[in-house]
N, C-alpha and C. Protein backbone atom coordinates (compact mmCIF):
# COMPACT_ATOMS: atom_id res chain seq x y z
N MET A 1 0.85 -1.17 0.00
CA MET A 1 0.00 0.00 0.00
C MET A 1 0.90 1.23 0.00
N SER A 2 0.60 2.20 -0.84
CA SER A 2 1.44 3.39 -0.96
C SER A 2 0.58 4.64 -0.82
N SER A 3 1.19 5.67 -0.26
CA SER A 3 0.50 6.94 -0.11
C SER A 3 1.07 7.95 -1.10
N PRO A 4 0.41 9.07 -1.30
CA PRO A 4 0.91 10.08 -2.24
C PRO A 4 2.25 10.68 -1.82
N LEU A 5 2.65 10.55 -0.56
CA LEU A 5 3.90 11.13 -0.09
C LEU A 5 5.10 10.21 -0.31
N GLY A 6 4.89 9.05 -0.89
CA GLY A 6 5.98 8.13 -1.13
C GLY A 6 6.28 7.23 0.05
N VAL A 7 5.42 7.23 1.06
CA VAL A 7 5.60 6.40 2.23
C VAL A 7 4.85 5.10 1.98
N THR A 8 5.54 4.00 2.17
CA THR A 8 4.91 2.70 1.94
C THR A 8 4.74 1.97 3.26
N GLU A 9 3.73 1.17 3.33
CA GLU A 9 3.48 0.39 4.52
C GLU A 9 3.94 -1.03 4.28
N THR A 10 4.82 -1.53 5.15
CA THR A 10 5.32 -2.89 5.02
C THR A 10 4.32 -3.85 5.66
N PRO A 11 4.48 -5.15 5.40
CA PRO A 11 3.54 -6.12 5.98
C PRO A 11 3.48 -6.08 7.51
N LEU A 12 4.56 -5.63 8.16
CA LEU A 12 4.55 -5.58 9.62
C LEU A 12 3.84 -4.33 10.15
N GLY A 13 3.46 -3.44 9.25
CA GLY A 13 2.72 -2.26 9.67
C GLY A 13 3.57 -1.03 9.89
N SER A 14 4.88 -1.13 9.79
CA SER A 14 5.73 0.04 9.99
C SER A 14 5.81 0.84 8.69
N LEU A 15 6.03 2.13 8.84
CA LEU A 15 6.12 3.00 7.68
C LEU A 15 7.57 3.10 7.23
N GLN A 16 7.77 3.09 5.92
CA GLN A 16 9.11 3.13 5.37
C GLN A 16 9.11 4.11 4.20
N SER A 17 10.09 5.01 4.15
CA SER A 17 10.19 5.99 3.09
C SER A 17 11.59 5.98 2.52
N SER A 18 11.70 6.13 1.24
CA SER A 18 13.00 6.19 0.59
C SER A 18 13.54 7.60 0.70
N LEU A 19 14.80 7.72 1.13
CA LEU A 19 15.43 9.03 1.24
C LEU A 19 15.55 9.68 -0.12
N LEU A 20 15.79 8.89 -1.14
CA LEU A 20 15.92 9.43 -2.49
C LEU A 20 14.60 10.03 -2.97
N GLU A 21 13.50 9.41 -2.60
CA GLU A 21 12.19 9.93 -3.01
C GLU A 21 11.78 11.14 -2.18
N SER A 22 12.12 11.15 -0.89
CA SER A 22 11.67 12.24 -0.03
C SER A 22 12.56 13.48 -0.14
N ASP A 23 13.89 13.30 -0.26
CA ASP A 23 14.80 14.44 -0.36
C ASP A 23 16.03 14.02 -1.17
N PRO A 24 15.98 14.19 -2.50
CA PRO A 24 17.08 13.73 -3.35
C PRO A 24 18.42 14.41 -3.05
N THR A 25 18.39 15.70 -2.71
CA THR A 25 19.65 16.40 -2.41
C THR A 25 20.34 15.79 -1.20
N LEU A 26 19.59 15.54 -0.15
CA LEU A 26 20.15 14.92 1.05
C LEU A 26 20.65 13.51 0.74
N ALA A 27 19.94 12.79 -0.11
CA ALA A 27 20.37 11.44 -0.48
C ALA A 27 21.70 11.47 -1.22
N TYR A 28 21.90 12.43 -2.11
CA TYR A 28 23.16 12.52 -2.84
C TYR A 28 24.30 12.95 -1.93
N ILE A 29 24.03 13.82 -0.98
CA ILE A 29 25.06 14.21 0.00
C ILE A 29 25.45 13.00 0.85
N TYR A 30 24.47 12.26 1.31
CA TYR A 30 24.72 11.05 2.10
C TYR A 30 25.53 10.04 1.30
N LEU A 31 25.14 9.82 0.06
CA LEU A 31 25.84 8.88 -0.80
C LEU A 31 27.29 9.31 -1.02
N THR A 32 27.52 10.61 -1.19
CA THR A 32 28.87 11.13 -1.40
C THR A 32 29.74 10.88 -0.17
N PHE A 33 29.22 11.17 1.02
CA PHE A 33 30.00 10.98 2.24
C PHE A 33 30.29 9.50 2.50
N VAL A 34 29.31 8.64 2.29
CA VAL A 34 29.53 7.22 2.52
C VAL A 34 30.53 6.66 1.50
N ALA A 35 30.40 7.06 0.24
CA ALA A 35 31.34 6.59 -0.78
C ALA A 35 32.76 7.08 -0.49
N LEU A 36 32.88 8.32 -0.01
CA LEU A 36 34.19 8.85 0.35
C LEU A 36 34.78 8.08 1.54
N ALA A 37 33.95 7.76 2.51
CA ALA A 37 34.42 6.99 3.67
C ALA A 37 34.85 5.59 3.25
N ILE A 38 34.13 4.97 2.34
CA ILE A 38 34.50 3.65 1.84
C ILE A 38 35.84 3.71 1.11
N ALA A 39 35.99 4.70 0.23
CA ALA A 39 37.22 4.81 -0.55
C ALA A 39 38.43 5.10 0.34
N LEU A 40 38.30 6.09 1.22
CA LEU A 40 39.43 6.43 2.10
C LEU A 40 39.73 5.32 3.10
N GLY A 41 38.71 4.67 3.62
CA GLY A 41 38.92 3.58 4.56
C GLY A 41 39.61 2.39 3.91
N THR A 42 39.21 2.06 2.69
CA THR A 42 39.83 0.94 1.99
C THR A 42 41.28 1.25 1.66
N VAL A 43 41.54 2.42 1.11
CA VAL A 43 42.91 2.79 0.76
C VAL A 43 43.79 2.88 2.01
N GLY A 44 43.29 3.53 3.05
CA GLY A 44 44.08 3.67 4.27
C GLY A 44 44.42 2.35 4.92
N ASN A 45 43.46 1.44 4.98
CA ASN A 45 43.72 0.14 5.59
C ASN A 45 44.66 -0.70 4.73
N MET A 46 44.54 -0.59 3.40
CA MET A 46 45.46 -1.32 2.54
C MET A 46 46.89 -0.78 2.66
N VAL A 47 47.03 0.52 2.88
CA VAL A 47 48.37 1.09 3.09
C VAL A 47 48.96 0.56 4.39
N ILE A 48 48.18 0.48 5.44
CA ILE A 48 48.68 -0.06 6.71
C ILE A 48 49.10 -1.51 6.55
N ILE A 49 48.30 -2.31 5.85
CA ILE A 49 48.65 -3.72 5.62
C ILE A 49 49.91 -3.82 4.78
N TRP A 50 50.04 -2.99 3.74
CA TRP A 50 51.22 -3.02 2.87
C TRP A 50 52.48 -2.61 3.64
N VAL A 51 52.39 -1.56 4.46
CA VAL A 51 53.55 -1.12 5.24
C VAL A 51 53.97 -2.20 6.23
N HIS A 52 53.00 -2.84 6.85
CA HIS A 52 53.31 -3.90 7.81
C HIS A 52 53.95 -5.10 7.11
N ALA A 53 53.50 -5.41 5.91
CA ALA A 53 54.04 -6.56 5.18
C ALA A 53 55.44 -6.29 4.65
N THR A 54 55.74 -5.06 4.30
CA THR A 54 57.04 -4.77 3.68
C THR A 54 58.11 -4.32 4.68
N ASN A 55 57.72 -3.89 5.86
CA ASN A 55 58.68 -3.39 6.85
C ASN A 55 58.86 -4.45 7.94
N LEU A 56 60.02 -5.09 7.94
CA LEU A 56 60.26 -6.17 8.88
C LEU A 56 60.43 -5.70 10.32
N GLY A 57 60.65 -4.42 10.53
CA GLY A 57 60.80 -3.88 11.88
C GLY A 57 59.48 -3.73 12.62
N LEU A 58 58.39 -3.99 11.97
CA LEU A 58 57.06 -3.81 12.59
C LEU A 58 56.43 -5.14 12.99
N LYS A 59 57.18 -5.98 13.66
CA LYS A 59 56.66 -7.30 14.01
C LYS A 59 56.35 -7.46 15.48
N GLY A 60 56.23 -6.35 16.23
CA GLY A 60 55.91 -6.43 17.66
C GLY A 60 54.43 -6.71 17.90
N LYS A 61 54.10 -6.96 19.16
CA LYS A 61 52.70 -7.28 19.51
C LYS A 61 51.77 -6.09 19.25
N GLY A 62 52.23 -4.88 19.55
CA GLY A 62 51.40 -3.71 19.31
C GLY A 62 51.12 -3.50 17.83
N ASN A 63 52.13 -3.74 17.01
CA ASN A 63 51.94 -3.59 15.57
C ASN A 63 51.08 -4.70 14.98
N GLU A 64 51.16 -5.90 15.56
CA GLU A 64 50.27 -6.98 15.14
C GLU A 64 48.81 -6.63 15.43
N PHE A 65 48.60 -5.97 16.57
CA PHE A 65 47.25 -5.53 16.92
C PHE A 65 46.74 -4.51 15.91
N VAL A 66 47.60 -3.56 15.53
CA VAL A 66 47.21 -2.56 14.53
C VAL A 66 46.91 -3.24 13.19
N LEU A 67 47.70 -4.26 12.84
CA LEU A 67 47.44 -5.00 11.60
C LEU A 67 46.08 -5.70 11.66
N ASN A 68 45.77 -6.31 12.80
CA ASN A 68 44.47 -6.97 12.95
C ASN A 68 43.33 -5.97 12.85
N LEU A 69 43.50 -4.79 13.43
CA LEU A 69 42.48 -3.75 13.32
C LEU A 69 42.29 -3.31 11.86
N ALA A 70 43.41 -3.18 11.14
CA ALA A 70 43.33 -2.76 9.75
C ALA A 70 42.63 -3.80 8.89
N VAL A 71 42.92 -5.07 9.12
CA VAL A 71 42.28 -6.14 8.35
C VAL A 71 40.78 -6.19 8.64
N SER A 72 40.41 -6.11 9.91
CA SER A 72 38.98 -6.16 10.24
C SER A 72 38.25 -4.92 9.72
N ASP A 73 38.88 -3.75 9.81
CA ASP A 73 38.24 -2.54 9.29
C ASP A 73 38.15 -2.57 7.77
N LEU A 74 39.11 -3.23 7.12
CA LEU A 74 39.04 -3.38 5.67
C LEU A 74 37.81 -4.19 5.28
N PHE A 75 37.52 -5.24 6.02
CA PHE A 75 36.32 -6.03 5.74
C PHE A 75 35.05 -5.22 6.00
N VAL A 76 35.07 -4.40 7.03
CA VAL A 76 33.91 -3.54 7.31
C VAL A 76 33.67 -2.57 6.17
N THR A 77 34.75 -1.93 5.69
CA THR A 77 34.58 -0.94 4.62
C THR A 77 34.23 -1.60 3.29
N MET A 78 34.56 -2.87 3.12
CA MET A 78 34.25 -3.54 1.86
C MET A 78 32.90 -4.25 1.88
N VAL A 79 32.41 -4.60 3.07
CA VAL A 79 31.16 -5.38 3.15
C VAL A 79 30.04 -4.59 3.81
N ALA A 80 30.26 -4.09 5.01
CA ALA A 80 29.19 -3.45 5.77
C ALA A 80 28.83 -2.06 5.26
N ASP A 81 29.83 -1.26 4.90
CA ASP A 81 29.54 0.10 4.44
C ASP A 81 28.74 0.14 3.13
N PRO A 82 29.04 -0.72 2.15
CA PRO A 82 28.16 -0.71 0.96
C PRO A 82 26.72 -1.11 1.29
N MET A 83 26.52 -1.94 2.29
CA MET A 83 25.16 -2.30 2.70
C MET A 83 24.44 -1.08 3.26
N CYS A 84 25.20 -0.15 3.84
CA CYS A 84 24.63 1.10 4.35
C CYS A 84 24.06 1.92 3.19
N ILE A 85 24.72 1.89 2.06
CA ILE A 85 24.22 2.62 0.88
C ILE A 85 22.95 1.95 0.37
N LEU A 86 22.94 0.62 0.34
CA LEU A 86 21.78 -0.11 -0.16
C LEU A 86 20.58 -0.03 0.78
N GLY A 87 20.85 0.24 2.05
CA GLY A 87 19.76 0.33 3.01
C GLY A 87 19.30 -1.01 3.53
N GLU A 88 20.15 -1.99 3.45
CA GLU A 88 19.82 -3.33 3.91
C GLU A 88 20.09 -3.48 5.38
């Protein structure tokens, strides 16, 4: 069931509206910021992984922790953040 305002009713009875339909300018700003965060996060984490792999002096426990954070954040920026754009 749909209303003239672009708000649809889901089977559970909650109201759901598309940001693109309700305010396209805000949707494009949101998309730009999320895409920028995905791009910078992916590049930054890959740089940390590359530096850790090529620099043998970075094999301490603290640096291993930073490497683990970079790998997990890389998966977040590659999997979870695009789902934020899709609205899933």
